[in-house]
Amino acid sequence: MPTDIMVALISLAGSGVGAFVGIIASAKLTNYRLEQLEKKVDKHNTVIERTFKLEEVQAVMQEQLKVANHRIADIEERGA
């Protein structure tokens, strides 16, 4: 087998291995970045959920405060 052909085959094999390793490294980096983004999204979603619950509680408390103010006003009117 001529030397030129052997060098070409070795270069081809080296290029193939290099490309394969590059693809694997890129896939690992992409997966890592996706995992980090998923963690951020999970944190964001929990904040949104907690905020929604707090807003619900606040609405209930405001309604209770209105009822209490009406009761106080009624008591004051009866006493006056």
N, C-alpha and C. Protein backbone atom coordinates (compact mmCIF):
# COMPACT_ATOMS: atom_id res chain seq x y z
N MET A 1 0.86 -1.17 0.00
CA MET A 1 0.00 0.00 0.00
C MET A 1 0.91 1.23 0.00
N PRO A 2 0.67 2.16 -0.90
CA PRO A 2 1.52 3.35 -0.97
C PRO A 2 1.40 4.21 0.29
N THR A 3 2.42 4.93 0.56
CA THR A 3 2.48 5.78 1.75
C THR A 3 1.43 6.88 1.69
N ASP A 4 1.22 7.42 0.53
CA ASP A 4 0.24 8.51 0.40
C ASP A 4 -1.16 8.06 0.81
N ILE A 5 -1.53 6.86 0.42
CA ILE A 5 -2.85 6.33 0.75
C ILE A 5 -2.95 6.09 2.25
N MET A 6 -1.89 5.56 2.86
CA MET A 6 -1.90 5.31 4.30
C MET A 6 -2.04 6.61 5.07
N VAL A 7 -1.29 7.63 4.63
CA VAL A 7 -1.38 8.93 5.30
C VAL A 7 -2.79 9.50 5.15
N ALA A 8 -3.38 9.34 3.98
CA ALA A 8 -4.73 9.83 3.76
C ALA A 8 -5.73 9.09 4.65
N LEU A 9 -5.60 7.77 4.77
CA LEU A 9 -6.50 6.99 5.62
C LEU A 9 -6.35 7.36 7.09
N ILE A 10 -5.12 7.54 7.54
CA ILE A 10 -4.87 7.94 8.93
C ILE A 10 -5.45 9.33 9.17
N SER A 11 -5.29 10.24 8.21
CA SER A 11 -5.85 11.59 8.34
C SER A 11 -7.38 11.52 8.39
N LEU A 12 -7.95 10.67 7.54
CA LEU A 12 -9.39 10.50 7.54
C LEU A 12 -9.88 9.98 8.89
N ALA A 13 -9.20 8.97 9.41
CA ALA A 13 -9.58 8.41 10.71
C ALA A 13 -9.44 9.47 11.82
N GLY A 14 -8.35 10.23 11.78
CA GLY A 14 -8.14 11.28 12.78
C GLY A 14 -9.21 12.35 12.70
N SER A 15 -9.56 12.73 11.49
CA SER A 15 -10.60 13.74 11.32
C SER A 15 -11.95 13.21 11.81
N GLY A 16 -12.24 11.95 11.50
CA GLY A 16 -13.49 11.35 11.95
C GLY A 16 -13.58 11.29 13.46
N VAL A 17 -12.48 10.86 14.09
CA VAL A 17 -12.46 10.77 15.56
C VAL A 17 -12.59 12.17 16.16
N GLY A 18 -11.88 13.14 15.59
CA GLY A 18 -11.95 14.52 16.09
C GLY A 18 -13.35 15.08 15.97
N ALA A 19 -14.01 14.83 14.86
CA ALA A 19 -15.37 15.32 14.67
C ALA A 19 -16.31 14.65 15.67
N PHE A 20 -16.14 13.35 15.86
CA PHE A 20 -16.99 12.61 16.80
C PHE A 20 -16.81 13.14 18.22
N VAL A 21 -15.58 13.36 18.64
CA VAL A 21 -15.31 13.89 19.98
C VAL A 21 -15.90 15.30 20.12
N GLY A 22 -15.80 16.10 19.06
CA GLY A 22 -16.37 17.45 19.10
C GLY A 22 -17.88 17.42 19.24
N ILE A 23 -18.51 16.51 18.54
CA ILE A 23 -19.97 16.38 18.64
C ILE A 23 -20.38 15.95 20.04
N ILE A 24 -19.65 15.00 20.60
CA ILE A 24 -19.96 14.53 21.96
C ILE A 24 -19.79 15.66 22.97
N ALA A 25 -18.68 16.41 22.85
CA ALA A 25 -18.44 17.52 23.78
C ALA A 25 -19.53 18.58 23.64
N SER A 26 -19.92 18.87 22.43
CA SER A 26 -20.97 19.86 22.20
C SER A 26 -22.30 19.39 22.79
N ALA A 27 -22.61 18.12 22.62
CA ALA A 27 -23.86 17.58 23.17
C ALA A 27 -23.85 17.64 24.70
N LYS A 28 -22.71 17.34 25.31
CA LYS A 28 -22.63 17.41 26.78
C LYS A 28 -22.83 18.84 27.26
N LEU A 29 -22.21 19.79 26.57
CA LEU A 29 -22.36 21.19 26.96
C LEU A 29 -23.81 21.65 26.79
N THR A 30 -24.43 21.24 25.71
CA THR A 30 -25.83 21.59 25.48
C THR A 30 -26.72 21.00 26.57
N ASN A 31 -26.49 19.75 26.93
CA ASN A 31 -27.28 19.12 28.00
C ASN A 31 -27.08 19.83 29.32
N TYR A 32 -25.84 20.22 29.62
CA TYR A 32 -25.55 20.93 30.86
C TYR A 32 -26.31 22.26 30.89
N ARG A 33 -26.25 22.98 29.79
CA ARG A 33 -26.95 24.27 29.74
C ARG A 33 -28.46 24.09 29.87
N LEU A 34 -29.00 23.07 29.25
CA LEU A 34 -30.44 22.80 29.39
C LEU A 34 -30.81 22.50 30.84
N GLU A 35 -29.98 21.72 31.52
CA GLU A 35 -30.25 21.41 32.93
C GLU A 35 -30.24 22.68 33.77
N GLN A 36 -29.29 23.57 33.50
CA GLN A 36 -29.22 24.81 34.25
C GLN A 36 -30.45 25.68 33.99
N LEU A 37 -30.88 25.73 32.74
CA LEU A 37 -32.08 26.49 32.40
C LEU A 37 -33.32 25.89 33.06
N GLU A 38 -33.39 24.56 33.11
CA GLU A 38 -34.52 23.92 33.76
C GLU A 38 -34.56 24.27 35.25
N LYS A 39 -33.40 24.32 35.88
CA LYS A 39 -33.35 24.70 37.29
C LYS A 39 -33.85 26.13 37.49
N LYS A 40 -33.43 27.02 36.60
CA LYS A 40 -33.87 28.41 36.70
C LYS A 40 -35.37 28.52 36.49
N VAL A 41 -35.89 27.78 35.54
CA VAL A 41 -37.33 27.81 35.26
C VAL A 41 -38.09 27.26 36.47
N ASP A 42 -37.58 26.20 37.08
CA ASP A 42 -38.25 25.64 38.27
C ASP A 42 -38.28 26.67 39.40
N LYS A 43 -37.16 27.36 39.62
CA LYS A 43 -37.13 28.40 40.65
C LYS A 43 -38.13 29.49 40.33
N HIS A 44 -38.16 29.90 39.08
CA HIS A 44 -39.08 30.95 38.67
C HIS A 44 -40.53 30.50 38.88
N ASN A 45 -40.83 29.28 38.52
CA ASN A 45 -42.20 28.78 38.66
C ASN A 45 -42.62 28.71 40.12
N THR A 46 -41.70 28.33 41.01
CA THR A 46 -42.06 28.28 42.43
C THR A 46 -42.31 29.68 42.96
N VAL A 47 -41.56 30.66 42.49
CA VAL A 47 -41.79 32.04 42.92
C VAL A 47 -43.16 32.51 42.44
N ILE A 48 -43.49 32.20 41.21
CA ILE A 48 -44.78 32.60 40.66
C ILE A 48 -45.91 31.93 41.45
N GLU A 49 -45.76 30.65 41.76
CA GLU A 49 -46.79 29.94 42.53
C GLU A 49 -46.95 30.54 43.92
N ARG A 50 -45.84 30.83 44.57
CA ARG A 50 -45.91 31.42 45.91
C ARG A 50 -46.55 32.80 45.86
N THR A 51 -46.21 33.58 44.84
CA THR A 51 -46.79 34.91 44.69
C THR A 51 -48.30 34.81 44.49
N PHE A 52 -48.72 33.86 43.67
CA PHE A 52 -50.15 33.68 43.43
C PHE A 52 -50.86 33.31 44.73
N LYS A 53 -50.27 32.43 45.52
CA LYS A 53 -50.88 32.05 46.80
C LYS A 53 -50.96 33.24 47.74
N LEU A 54 -49.88 34.04 47.77
CA LEU A 54 -49.89 35.22 48.63
C LEU A 54 -50.98 36.21 48.19
N GLU A 55 -51.15 36.36 46.89
CA GLU A 55 -52.19 37.25 46.40
C GLU A 55 -53.58 36.74 46.78
N GLU A 56 -53.77 35.42 46.75
CA GLU A 56 -55.05 34.86 47.17
C GLU A 56 -55.30 35.14 48.65
N VAL A 57 -54.27 34.92 49.46
CA VAL A 57 -54.41 35.16 50.90
C VAL A 57 -54.69 36.64 51.16
N GLN A 58 -54.00 37.50 50.44
CA GLN A 58 -54.21 38.94 50.61
C GLN A 58 -55.64 39.32 50.26
N ALA A 59 -56.17 38.75 49.19
CA ALA A 59 -57.55 39.05 48.80
C ALA A 59 -58.52 38.60 49.89
N VAL A 60 -58.28 37.44 50.46
CA VAL A 60 -59.15 36.94 51.54
C VAL A 60 -59.05 37.86 52.75
N MET A 61 -57.84 38.26 53.08
CA MET A 61 -57.66 39.14 54.24
C MET A 61 -58.32 40.50 54.01
N GLN A 62 -58.24 41.01 52.78
CA GLN A 62 -58.90 42.28 52.50
C GLN A 62 -60.41 42.15 52.64
N GLU A 63 -60.95 41.05 52.19
CA GLU A 63 -62.38 40.82 52.32
C GLU A 63 -62.77 40.72 53.79
N GLN A 64 -61.95 40.01 54.57
CA GLN A 64 -62.23 39.90 56.01
C GLN A 64 -62.15 41.26 56.68
N LEU A 65 -61.22 42.08 56.26
CA LEU A 65 -61.08 43.42 56.83
C LEU A 65 -62.30 44.27 56.49
N LYS A 66 -62.80 44.16 55.27
CA LYS A 66 -64.01 44.89 54.89
C LYS A 66 -65.20 44.46 55.75
N VAL A 67 -65.34 43.16 55.96
CA VAL A 67 -66.43 42.64 56.78
C VAL A 67 -66.30 43.16 58.21
N ALA A 68 -65.07 43.13 58.73
CA ALA A 68 -64.85 43.61 60.10
C ALA A 68 -65.16 45.09 60.19
N ASN A 69 -64.78 45.87 59.20
CA ASN A 69 -65.08 47.31 59.22
C ASN A 69 -66.58 47.56 59.16
N HIS A 70 -67.29 46.77 58.38
CA HIS A 70 -68.75 46.91 58.33
C HIS A 70 -69.37 46.56 59.68
N ARG A 71 -68.87 45.52 60.32
CA ARG A 71 -69.40 45.15 61.64
C ARG A 71 -69.15 46.25 62.65
N ILE A 72 -67.94 46.81 62.61
CA ILE A 72 -67.60 47.89 63.54
C ILE A 72 -68.51 49.08 63.28
N ALA A 73 -68.71 49.39 62.02
CA ALA A 73 -69.59 50.53 61.66
C ALA A 73 -70.99 50.27 62.15
N ASP A 74 -71.48 49.04 62.00
CA ASP A 74 -72.83 48.69 62.47
C ASP A 74 -72.92 48.83 63.99
N ILE A 75 -71.91 48.37 64.69
CA ILE A 75 -71.89 48.47 66.16
C ILE A 75 -71.86 49.93 66.58
N GLU A 76 -71.07 50.74 65.91
CA GLU A 76 -71.00 52.17 66.24
C GLU A 76 -72.33 52.85 66.00
N GLU A 77 -73.03 52.47 64.90
CA GLU A 77 -74.32 53.08 64.60
C GLU A 77 -75.36 52.70 65.66
N ARG A 78 -75.31 51.49 66.14
CA ARG A 78 -76.27 51.04 67.16
C ARG A 78 -76.01 51.75 68.48
N GLY A 79 -74.73 51.96 68.76
CA GLY A 79 -74.38 52.59 70.03
C GLY A 79 -74.62 54.09 70.04
N ALA A 80 -74.61 54.68 68.88
CA ALA A 80 -74.75 56.15 68.83
C ALA A 80 -76.15 56.62 68.88
